[in-house]
Amino acid sequence: YRQGPWKNREAVELATLKWVYWFNNRRILSSIGNIPPPEAEARFYAQQKSHALAA
């Protein structure tokens, strides 16, 4: 995810925000099954809900 050089501080801040969004929501993690973190979180809570219903 390499970009730059940036023209001013605002450009750096915007690029940083975009990178943080990508890092937290879009990147693929092999440790959780080659899916993005939000998908893993949704699967986890769906599984918890189904276990609670079964109990």
Protein backbone atom coordinates (compact mmCIF):
# COMPACT_ATOMS: atom_id res chain seq x y z
CA TYR A 1 0.00 0.00 0.00
CA ARG A 2 2.67 2.44 -0.99
CA GLN A 3 1.78 5.96 -2.05
CA GLY A 4 3.40 9.36 -2.07
CA PRO A 5 5.12 11.68 -1.98
CA TRP A 6 2.35 13.84 -0.60
CA LYS A 7 1.97 17.54 -1.26
CA ASN A 8 0.87 18.65 2.21
CA ARG A 9 -0.15 17.51 5.67
CA GLU A 10 -3.82 17.13 4.70
CA ALA A 11 -2.86 14.71 1.93
CA VAL A 12 -0.86 12.64 4.43
CA GLU A 13 -3.79 12.63 6.86
CA LEU A 14 -6.22 11.50 4.16
CA ALA A 15 -3.86 8.75 3.00
CA THR A 16 -3.47 7.62 6.61
CA LEU A 17 -7.23 7.44 7.11
CA LYS A 18 -7.62 5.41 3.92
CA TRP A 19 -4.87 3.02 5.01
CA VAL A 20 -6.38 2.54 8.48
CA TYR A 21 -9.77 1.77 6.90
CA TRP A 22 -8.16 -0.77 4.59
CA PHE A 23 -6.14 -2.32 7.42
CA ASN A 24 -9.15 -2.71 9.70
CA ASN A 25 -11.82 -3.66 7.16
CA ARG A 26 -10.48 -4.91 3.84
CA ARG A 27 -7.21 -6.80 4.29
CA ILE A 28 -7.29 -10.56 4.04
CA LEU A 29 -5.93 -12.50 7.00
CA SER A 30 -4.76 -16.08 6.59
CA SER A 31 -5.00 -16.67 10.36
CA ILE A 32 -8.80 -16.28 10.21
CA GLY A 33 -9.45 -18.20 7.01
CA ASN A 34 -8.39 -15.74 4.29
CA ILE A 35 -11.29 -13.41 4.94
CA PRO A 36 -11.42 -9.76 6.05
CA PRO A 37 -11.84 -9.04 9.78
CA PRO A 38 -15.46 -7.77 9.58
CA GLU A 39 -16.53 -11.00 7.90
CA ALA A 40 -14.78 -13.06 10.58
CA GLU A 41 -16.49 -11.00 13.28
CA ALA A 42 -19.90 -11.48 11.66
CA ARG A 43 -19.34 -15.24 11.45
CA PHE A 44 -18.25 -15.35 15.10
CA TYR A 45 -21.36 -13.55 16.35
CA ALA A 46 -23.64 -15.61 14.13
CA GLN A 47 -22.10 -18.75 15.59
CA GLN A 48 -22.52 -17.41 19.14
CA LYS A 49 -26.16 -16.62 18.43
CA SER A 50 -26.84 -20.11 17.07
CA HIS A 51 -25.16 -21.68 20.13
CA ALA A 52 -27.29 -19.54 22.44
CA LEU A 53 -30.46 -20.59 20.63
CA ALA A 54 -29.48 -24.25 20.90
CA ALA A 55 -28.86 -24.01 24.66
